[in-house]
Amino acid sequence: MDQSSTASQGLARRAIDHAPLVLSGGYLLLSLRLPFGGVADPGVGFFPVISGLVFFLAALVVSAKSLGARGTPSHGSGDESVGGEGDDADEDAHIGPKAWRVPLLATLVVLYIATFELIGHVPAATVSVFGALQLVSSRRVWVKALLAVIVAVGTYLLFAELLGVPLPKTRL
């Protein structure tokens, strides 16, 4: 592999490592424009701000870990023969199909946002959660489908019924 190809793979890896931080930061900033309210009387922005903060903090940890792992041998040894040249190839080797998980997960979020008001929270969340589980889980399809329905209905009941946060009703 030539040096320019290796450099471009390294750049692609850094972009993939830090994309969740950028996306969650943008989401958090946009959600801060919504009226927050309080715990007793949550506003429209309560859930988006809280979830955006959680996602941003998680992405910050992942980004910090990826920065810290750059110069560290992956085998936990200071021996260059163990954590030397071969580790760079191993580190960049995942720029294949698994690297598409982050952009596909981001696409699922955009799909959810685009269909949220049109078809309602439950079907939009079911499809999005099922798609995310397809990308990250090796469980059986029926288990993923059941989990997606449970998460969609559960979040609807939690926010719309228990917390009183208005969510679009299912139109199907």
C-alpha atoms as a PDB file:
ATOM      1  CA  MET A   1       0.000   0.000   0.000  1.00  0.00           C
ATOM      2  CA  ASP A   2       1.453   3.387  -0.922  1.00  0.00           C
ATOM      3  CA  GLN A   3       1.885   6.280   1.493  1.00  0.00           C
ATOM      4  CA  SER A   4      -0.884   8.482   0.044  1.00  0.00           C
ATOM      5  CA  SER A   5      -3.402   5.644   0.354  1.00  0.00           C
ATOM      6  CA  THR A   6      -2.356   5.057   3.961  1.00  0.00           C
ATOM      7  CA  ALA A   7      -2.651   8.784   4.706  1.00  0.00           C
ATOM      8  CA  SER A   8      -6.132   8.947   3.183  1.00  0.00           C
ATOM      9  CA  GLN A   9      -7.203   5.902   5.214  1.00  0.00           C
ATOM     10  CA  GLY A  10      -5.876   7.573   8.361  1.00  0.00           C
ATOM     11  CA  LEU A  11      -7.838  10.714   7.507  1.00  0.00           C
ATOM     12  CA  ALA A  12     -10.975   8.646   6.858  1.00  0.00           C
ATOM     13  CA  ARG A  13     -10.527   6.883  10.201  1.00  0.00           C
ATOM     14  CA  ARG A  14     -10.190  10.198  12.048  1.00  0.00           C
ATOM     15  CA  ALA A  15     -13.296  11.544  10.292  1.00  0.00           C
ATOM     16  CA  ILE A  16     -15.267   8.434  11.246  1.00  0.00           C
ATOM     17  CA  ASP A  17     -13.959   8.532  14.827  1.00  0.00           C
ATOM     18  CA  HIS A  18     -14.990  12.164  15.328  1.00  0.00           C
ATOM     19  CA  ALA A  19     -18.169  12.351  13.199  1.00  0.00           C
ATOM     20  CA  PRO A  20     -20.437  11.406  16.127  1.00  0.00           C
ATOM     21  CA  LEU A  21     -18.952  14.256  18.180  1.00  0.00           C
ATOM     22  CA  VAL A  22     -19.634  16.784  15.430  1.00  0.00           C
ATOM     23  CA  LEU A  23     -23.142  15.458  14.729  1.00  0.00           C
ATOM     24  CA  SER A  24     -24.151  15.262  18.390  1.00  0.00           C
ATOM     25  CA  GLY A  25     -22.681  18.717  19.056  1.00  0.00           C
ATOM     26  CA  GLY A  26     -24.719  20.183  16.210  1.00  0.00           C
ATOM     27  CA  TYR A  27     -27.828  18.393  17.436  1.00  0.00           C
ATOM     28  CA  LEU A  28     -27.271  19.693  20.980  1.00  0.00           C
ATOM     29  CA  LEU A  29     -26.785  23.263  19.772  1.00  0.00           C
ATOM     30  CA  LEU A  30     -29.968  23.126  17.686  1.00  0.00           C
ATOM     31  CA  SER A  31     -31.950  21.564  20.530  1.00  0.00           C
ATOM     32  CA  LEU A  32     -30.895  24.364  22.900  1.00  0.00           C
ATOM     33  CA  ARG A  33     -33.032  26.732  20.809  1.00  0.00           C
ATOM     34  CA  LEU A  34     -36.192  24.919  21.931  1.00  0.00           C
ATOM     35  CA  PRO A  35     -38.012  25.880  25.166  1.00  0.00           C
ATOM     36  CA  PHE A  36     -36.592  23.580  27.857  1.00  0.00           C
ATOM     37  CA  GLY A  37     -39.113  23.923  30.654  1.00  0.00           C
ATOM     38  CA  GLY A  38     -38.377  21.938  33.808  1.00  0.00           C
ATOM     39  CA  VAL A  39     -38.599  18.415  35.160  1.00  0.00           C
ATOM     40  CA  ALA A  40     -42.061  19.025  36.627  1.00  0.00           C
ATOM     41  CA  ASP A  41     -43.253  20.863  33.511  1.00  0.00           C
ATOM     42  CA  PRO A  42     -41.036  19.817  30.569  1.00  0.00           C
ATOM     43  CA  GLY A  43     -41.056  21.926  27.458  1.00  0.00           C
ATOM     44  CA  VAL A  44     -40.694  20.788  23.874  1.00  0.00           C
ATOM     45  CA  GLY A  45     -36.900  20.957  24.173  1.00  0.00           C
ATOM     46  CA  PHE A  46     -36.589  18.906  27.379  1.00  0.00           C
ATOM     47  CA  PHE A  47     -36.021  15.501  25.766  1.00  0.00           C
ATOM     48  CA  PRO A  48     -33.924  16.769  22.827  1.00  0.00           C
ATOM     49  CA  VAL A  49     -31.584  18.711  25.143  1.00  0.00           C
ATOM     50  CA  ILE A  50     -31.169  15.843  27.615  1.00  0.00           C
ATOM     51  CA  SER A  51     -30.634  13.236  24.890  1.00  0.00           C
ATOM     52  CA  GLY A  52     -28.327  15.584  22.957  1.00  0.00           C
ATOM     53  CA  LEU A  53     -26.239  16.109  26.075  1.00  0.00           C
ATOM     54  CA  VAL A  54     -25.995  12.353  26.708  1.00  0.00           C
ATOM     55  CA  PHE A  55     -25.046  11.654  23.076  1.00  0.00           C
ATOM     56  CA  PHE A  56     -22.519  14.496  23.062  1.00  0.00           C
ATOM     57  CA  LEU A  57     -20.844  13.266  26.264  1.00  0.00           C
ATOM     58  CA  ALA A  58     -20.703   9.696  24.924  1.00  0.00           C
ATOM     59  CA  ALA A  59     -19.230  10.923  21.630  1.00  0.00           C
ATOM     60  CA  LEU A  60     -16.710  13.021  23.552  1.00  0.00           C
ATOM     61  CA  VAL A  61     -15.525   9.917  25.422  1.00  0.00           C
ATOM     62  CA  VAL A  62     -15.245   7.943  22.173  1.00  0.00           C
ATOM     63  CA  SER A  63     -13.309  10.767  20.479  1.00  0.00           C
ATOM     64  CA  ALA A  64     -10.981  11.129  23.461  1.00  0.00           C
ATOM     65  CA  LYS A  65     -10.343   7.374  23.474  1.00  0.00           C
ATOM     66  CA  SER A  66      -9.552   7.388  19.754  1.00  0.00           C
ATOM     67  CA  LEU A  67      -7.112  10.279  20.237  1.00  0.00           C
ATOM     68  CA  GLY A  68      -5.453   8.516  23.164  1.00  0.00           C
ATOM     69  CA  ALA A  69      -5.148   5.258  21.238  1.00  0.00           C
ATOM     70  CA  ARG A  70      -3.226   6.797  18.323  1.00  0.00           C
ATOM     71  CA  GLY A  71       0.299   6.467  19.686  1.00  0.00           C
ATOM     72  CA  THR A  72      -0.316   3.543  21.998  1.00  0.00           C
ATOM     73  CA  PRO A  73       0.574  -0.017  21.036  1.00  0.00           C
ATOM     74  CA  SER A  74      -2.623  -2.037  20.841  1.00  0.00           C
ATOM     75  CA  HIS A  75      -1.185  -5.037  22.676  1.00  0.00           C
ATOM     76  CA  GLY A  76      -0.536  -3.055  25.854  1.00  0.00           C
ATOM     77  CA  SER A  77       3.249  -3.450  25.587  1.00  0.00           C
ATOM     78  CA  GLY A  78       5.886  -0.825  25.065  1.00  0.00           C
ATOM     79  CA  ASP A  79       7.760  -3.234  22.765  1.00  0.00           C
ATOM     80  CA  GLU A  80       7.879  -1.798  19.254  1.00  0.00           C
ATOM     81  CA  SER A  81       8.034  -5.260  17.716  1.00  0.00           C
ATOM     82  CA  VAL A  82       4.624  -6.053  19.203  1.00  0.00           C
ATOM     83  CA  GLY A  83       2.930  -2.683  18.719  1.00  0.00           C
ATOM     84  CA  GLY A  84       4.896  -1.487  15.731  1.00  0.00           C
ATOM     85  CA  GLU A  85       4.218  -1.024  12.048  1.00  0.00           C
ATOM     86  CA  GLY A  86       1.676  -3.837  11.738  1.00  0.00           C
ATOM     87  CA  ASP A  87      -0.746  -2.158  14.142  1.00  0.00           C
ATOM     88  CA  ASP A  88      -1.279   0.819  11.833  1.00  0.00           C
ATOM     89  CA  ALA A  89      -2.477  -1.554   9.147  1.00  0.00           C
ATOM     90  CA  ASP A  90      -4.731  -3.343  11.648  1.00  0.00           C
ATOM     91  CA  GLU A  91      -6.055  -0.034  12.978  1.00  0.00           C
ATOM     92  CA  ASP A  92      -6.990   1.190   9.491  1.00  0.00           C
ATOM     93  CA  ALA A  93      -8.203  -2.200   8.278  1.00  0.00           C
ATOM     94  CA  HIS A  94     -11.712  -1.554   9.597  1.00  0.00           C
ATOM     95  CA  ILE A  95     -12.252   1.244   7.056  1.00  0.00           C
ATOM     96  CA  GLY A  96     -14.362  -1.354   5.256  1.00  0.00           C
ATOM     97  CA  PRO A  97     -18.029  -2.266   5.781  1.00  0.00           C
ATOM     98  CA  LYS A  98     -17.987  -1.567   9.538  1.00  0.00           C
ATOM     99  CA  ALA A  99     -16.867   2.003   8.829  1.00  0.00           C
ATOM    100  CA  TRP A 100     -20.237   2.635   7.183  1.00  0.00           C
ATOM    101  CA  ARG A 101     -22.082   2.090  10.469  1.00  0.00           C
ATOM    102  CA  VAL A 102     -21.702   5.704  11.633  1.00  0.00           C
ATOM    103  CA  PRO A 103     -22.992   7.305   8.410  1.00  0.00           C
ATOM    104  CA  LEU A 104     -25.802   4.736   8.211  1.00  0.00           C
ATOM    105  CA  LEU A 105     -26.787   5.373  11.836  1.00  0.00           C
ATOM    106  CA  ALA A 106     -26.783   9.108  11.110  1.00  0.00           C
ATOM    107  CA  THR A 107     -28.993   8.417   8.081  1.00  0.00           C
ATOM    108  CA  LEU A 108     -31.413   6.515  10.315  1.00  0.00           C
ATOM    109  CA  VAL A 109     -31.627   9.521  12.639  1.00  0.00           C
ATOM    110  CA  VAL A 110     -32.344  11.784   9.661  1.00  0.00           C
ATOM    111  CA  LEU A 111     -34.958   9.290   8.423  1.00  0.00           C
ATOM    112  CA  TYR A 112     -36.602   9.320  11.855  1.00  0.00           C
ATOM    113  CA  ILE A 113     -36.659  13.128  11.918  1.00  0.00           C
ATOM    114  CA  ALA A 114     -38.064  13.292   8.381  1.00  0.00           C
ATOM    115  CA  THR A 115     -40.873  10.803   9.064  1.00  0.00           C
ATOM    116  CA  PHE A 116     -41.577  11.656  12.721  1.00  0.00           C
ATOM    117  CA  GLU A 117     -44.444  14.076  12.091  1.00  0.00           C
ATOM    118  CA  LEU A 118     -45.648  12.419   8.905  1.00  0.00           C
ATOM    119  CA  ILE A 119     -46.288   8.908  10.264  1.00  0.00           C
ATOM    120  CA  GLY A 120     -45.945   9.437  14.021  1.00  0.00           C
ATOM    121  CA  HIS A 121     -43.367   8.564  16.649  1.00  0.00           C
ATOM    122  CA  VAL A 122     -44.067   4.847  17.062  1.00  0.00           C
ATOM    123  CA  PRO A 123     -43.640   3.709  13.426  1.00  0.00           C
ATOM    124  CA  ALA A 124     -40.750   6.115  12.781  1.00  0.00           C
ATOM    125  CA  ALA A 125     -38.936   5.027  15.948  1.00  0.00           C
ATOM    126  CA  THR A 126     -39.641   1.341  15.251  1.00  0.00           C
ATOM    127  CA  VAL A 127     -38.062   1.527  11.802  1.00  0.00           C
ATOM    128  CA  SER A 128     -35.101   3.585  13.031  1.00  0.00           C
ATOM    129  CA  VAL A 129     -34.371   1.401  16.054  1.00  0.00           C
ATOM    130  CA  PHE A 130     -34.752  -1.777  13.988  1.00  0.00           C
ATOM    131  CA  GLY A 131     -32.344  -0.395  11.389  1.00  0.00           C
ATOM    132  CA  ALA A 132     -29.830   0.549  14.091  1.00  0.00           C
ATOM    133  CA  LEU A 133     -30.090  -2.917  15.618  1.00  0.00           C
ATOM    134  CA  GLN A 134     -29.555  -4.468  12.188  1.00  0.00           C
ATOM    135  CA  LEU A 135     -26.300  -2.522  11.932  1.00  0.00           C
ATOM    136  CA  VAL A 136     -24.892  -3.252  15.369  1.00  0.00           C
ATOM    137  CA  SER A 137     -26.425  -6.493  16.609  1.00  0.00           C
ATOM    138  CA  SER A 138     -26.090 -10.105  15.541  1.00  0.00           C
ATOM    139  CA  ARG A 139     -29.305 -11.194  17.267  1.00  0.00           C
ATOM    140  CA  ARG A 140     -32.121 -12.844  15.358  1.00  0.00           C
ATOM    141  CA  VAL A 141     -34.333 -10.613  13.244  1.00  0.00           C
ATOM    142  CA  TRP A 142     -37.475 -11.293  15.311  1.00  0.00           C
ATOM    143  CA  VAL A 143     -35.616 -10.275  18.505  1.00  0.00           C
ATOM    144  CA  LYS A 144     -34.506  -7.014  16.877  1.00  0.00           C
ATOM    145  CA  ALA A 145     -38.045  -6.343  15.640  1.00  0.00           C
ATOM    146  CA  LEU A 146     -39.502  -7.017  19.079  1.00  0.00           C
ATOM    147  CA  LEU A 147     -36.923  -4.761  20.752  1.00  0.00           C
ATOM    148  CA  ALA A 148     -37.622  -2.001  18.216  1.00  0.00           C
ATOM    149  CA  VAL A 149     -41.361  -2.122  18.943  1.00  0.00           C
ATOM    150  CA  ILE A 150     -40.755  -2.186  22.715  1.00  0.00           C
ATOM    151  CA  VAL A 151     -38.412   0.829  22.519  1.00  0.00           C
ATOM    152  CA  ALA A 152     -40.794   2.782  20.256  1.00  0.00           C
ATOM    153  CA  VAL A 153     -43.901   2.119  22.335  1.00  0.00           C
ATOM    154  CA  GLY A 154     -41.984   2.513  25.590  1.00  0.00           C
ATOM    155  CA  THR A 155     -40.563   5.911  24.640  1.00  0.00           C
ATOM    156  CA  TYR A 156     -43.991   7.034  23.476  1.00  0.00           C
ATOM    157  CA  LEU A 157     -45.577   6.015  26.762  1.00  0.00           C
ATOM    158  CA  LEU A 158     -42.744   7.548  28.774  1.00  0.00           C
ATOM    159  CA  PHE A 159     -42.732  10.923  27.061  1.00  0.00           C
ATOM    160  CA  ALA A 160     -46.293  11.399  25.814  1.00  0.00           C
ATOM    161  CA  GLU A 161     -48.210   9.797  28.662  1.00  0.00           C
ATOM    162  CA  LEU A 162     -45.984   9.959  31.745  1.00  0.00           C
ATOM    163  CA  LEU A 163     -44.060  13.199  31.139  1.00  0.00           C
ATOM    164  CA  GLY A 164     -46.714  14.927  29.039  1.00  0.00           C
ATOM    165  CA  VAL A 165     -44.323  15.768  26.189  1.00  0.00           C
ATOM    166  CA  PRO A 166     -46.442  15.988  23.031  1.00  0.00           C
ATOM    167  CA  LEU A 167     -45.338  13.493  20.378  1.00  0.00           C
ATOM    168  CA  PRO A 168     -47.065  13.013  17.027  1.00  0.00           C
ATOM    169  CA  LYS A 169     -49.587  10.187  17.165  1.00  0.00           C
ATOM    170  CA  THR A 170     -49.371   7.281  14.760  1.00  0.00           C
ATOM    171  CA  ARG A 171     -51.340   8.012  11.593  1.00  0.00           C
ATOM    172  CA  LEU A 172     -51.183   4.510  10.183  1.00  0.00           C
END
